[in-house]
Amino acid sequence: MRQNATGSQPEQVLIDEKTAARRLGVSTSHLGNLRRRGEIPYVRVGALIRYDVRALDEWIASQLKTTKEKGVDR
């Protein structure tokens, strides 16, 4: 963990699957499917699967669609 910008509480850099799924608003099984298909970044720590908060935020930003893009879900 590292301290956040205000220096008050340490910021968690790696989060578990349940926390990552909650952050994305999806089920853990859907998150696992995304991971197995190689669609979302993750980190393996021994036998554990963890998600880097910054990488998830970047992934979310890369998934944003504009209304001018083709194939936008409505």
C-alpha atoms as a PDB file:
ATOM      1  CA  MET A   1       0.000   0.000   0.000  1.00  0.00           C
ATOM      2  CA  ARG A   2       1.088   3.554  -0.520  1.00  0.00           C
ATOM      3  CA  GLN A   3      -0.100   6.809   0.961  1.00  0.00           C
ATOM      4  CA  ASN A   4      -2.633   8.813  -1.008  1.00  0.00           C
ATOM      5  CA  ALA A   5      -2.080  12.437  -2.046  1.00  0.00           C
ATOM      6  CA  THR A   6      -3.354  13.793   1.272  1.00  0.00           C
ATOM      7  CA  GLY A   7      -1.088  11.467   3.231  1.00  0.00           C
ATOM      8  CA  SER A   8      -3.904  10.349   5.521  1.00  0.00           C
ATOM      9  CA  GLN A   9      -4.875   6.779   4.624  1.00  0.00           C
ATOM     10  CA  PRO A  10      -2.779   4.309   2.656  1.00  0.00           C
ATOM     11  CA  GLU A  11      -4.171   3.675  -0.815  1.00  0.00           C
ATOM     12  CA  GLN A  12      -4.660   0.043  -1.775  1.00  0.00           C
ATOM     13  CA  VAL A  13      -2.956  -0.649  -5.108  1.00  0.00           C
ATOM     14  CA  LEU A  14      -4.011  -4.291  -5.633  1.00  0.00           C
ATOM     15  CA  ILE A  15      -7.576  -5.386  -4.963  1.00  0.00           C
ATOM     16  CA  ASP A  16      -9.214  -8.809  -4.915  1.00  0.00           C
ATOM     17  CA  GLU A  17     -11.753 -10.112  -7.421  1.00  0.00           C
ATOM     18  CA  LYS A  18     -14.806  -9.262  -5.333  1.00  0.00           C
ATOM     19  CA  THR A  19     -13.682  -5.668  -4.823  1.00  0.00           C
ATOM     20  CA  ALA A  20     -12.738  -5.285  -8.505  1.00  0.00           C
ATOM     21  CA  ALA A  21     -16.119  -6.649  -9.623  1.00  0.00           C
ATOM     22  CA  ARG A  22     -17.917  -4.262  -7.276  1.00  0.00           C
ATOM     23  CA  ARG A  23     -15.809  -1.363  -8.588  1.00  0.00           C
ATOM     24  CA  LEU A  24     -16.794  -2.265 -12.174  1.00  0.00           C
ATOM     25  CA  GLY A  25     -20.424  -3.005 -11.340  1.00  0.00           C
ATOM     26  CA  VAL A  26     -20.282  -6.584 -12.644  1.00  0.00           C
ATOM     27  CA  SER A  27     -20.498 -10.040 -11.092  1.00  0.00           C
ATOM     28  CA  THR A  28     -17.338 -11.892 -10.088  1.00  0.00           C
ATOM     29  CA  SER A  29     -18.135 -14.569 -12.684  1.00  0.00           C
ATOM     30  CA  HIS A  30     -18.331 -11.929 -15.448  1.00  0.00           C
ATOM     31  CA  LEU A  31     -15.047 -10.439 -14.255  1.00  0.00           C
ATOM     32  CA  GLY A  32     -13.499 -13.914 -14.337  1.00  0.00           C
ATOM     33  CA  ASN A  33     -14.745 -14.390 -17.903  1.00  0.00           C
ATOM     34  CA  LEU A  34     -13.188 -11.069 -18.947  1.00  0.00           C
ATOM     35  CA  ARG A  35      -9.900 -12.137 -17.325  1.00  0.00           C
ATOM     36  CA  ARG A  36      -9.863 -15.594 -18.951  1.00  0.00           C
ATOM     37  CA  ARG A  37     -10.532 -14.045 -22.369  1.00  0.00           C
ATOM     38  CA  GLY A  38      -7.629 -11.651 -21.823  1.00  0.00           C
ATOM     39  CA  GLU A  39      -9.863  -8.589 -21.993  1.00  0.00           C
ATOM     40  CA  ILE A  40      -8.983  -7.064 -18.627  1.00  0.00           C
ATOM     41  CA  PRO A  41      -5.604  -6.586 -16.907  1.00  0.00           C
ATOM     42  CA  TYR A  42      -4.810  -8.586 -13.781  1.00  0.00           C
ATOM     43  CA  VAL A  43      -1.873  -9.644 -11.623  1.00  0.00           C
ATOM     44  CA  ARG A  44      -1.152 -13.134 -10.336  1.00  0.00           C
ATOM     45  CA  VAL A  45       0.456 -13.173  -6.892  1.00  0.00           C
ATOM     46  CA  GLY A  46       1.273 -16.830  -6.347  1.00  0.00           C
ATOM     47  CA  ALA A  47      -2.099 -18.580  -6.550  1.00  0.00           C
ATOM     48  CA  LEU A  48      -4.035 -15.333  -5.987  1.00  0.00           C
ATOM     49  CA  ILE A  49      -5.587 -13.145  -8.674  1.00  0.00           C
ATOM     50  CA  ARG A  50      -5.420  -9.415  -7.978  1.00  0.00           C
ATOM     51  CA  TYR A  51      -6.347  -6.316  -9.956  1.00  0.00           C
ATOM     52  CA  ASP A  52      -4.267  -3.138 -10.035  1.00  0.00           C
ATOM     53  CA  VAL A  53      -6.536  -0.167  -9.318  1.00  0.00           C
ATOM     54  CA  ARG A  54      -4.686   2.119 -11.755  1.00  0.00           C
ATOM     55  CA  ALA A  55      -4.781  -0.508 -14.534  1.00  0.00           C
ATOM     56  CA  LEU A  56      -8.523  -0.985 -13.967  1.00  0.00           C
ATOM     57  CA  ASP A  57      -9.088   2.776 -14.163  1.00  0.00           C
ATOM     58  CA  GLU A  58      -7.115   2.890 -17.432  1.00  0.00           C
ATOM     59  CA  TRP A  59      -9.084  -0.091 -18.766  1.00  0.00           C
ATOM     60  CA  ILE A  60     -12.370   1.622 -17.878  1.00  0.00           C
ATOM     61  CA  ALA A  61     -11.242   4.799 -19.669  1.00  0.00           C
ATOM     62  CA  SER A  62     -10.306   2.765 -22.752  1.00  0.00           C
ATOM     63  CA  GLN A  63     -13.798   1.242 -22.829  1.00  0.00           C
ATOM     64  CA  LEU A  64     -15.622   4.583 -22.929  1.00  0.00           C
ATOM     65  CA  LYS A  65     -17.583   5.057 -26.128  1.00  0.00           C
ATOM     66  CA  THR A  66     -18.891   8.234 -27.680  1.00  0.00           C
ATOM     67  CA  THR A  67     -22.194   8.507 -29.505  1.00  0.00           C
ATOM     68  CA  LYS A  68     -20.297   9.217 -32.744  1.00  0.00           C
ATOM     69  CA  GLU A  69     -18.529   5.835 -32.681  1.00  0.00           C
ATOM     70  CA  LYS A  70     -19.922   2.980 -34.729  1.00  0.00           C
ATOM     71  CA  GLY A  71     -21.545   0.125 -32.885  1.00  0.00           C
ATOM     72  CA  VAL A  72     -22.376   2.076 -29.755  1.00  0.00           C
ATOM     73  CA  ASP A  73     -24.797   0.266 -27.480  1.00  0.00           C
ATOM     74  CA  ARG A  74     -27.916   2.291 -26.847  1.00  0.00           C
END
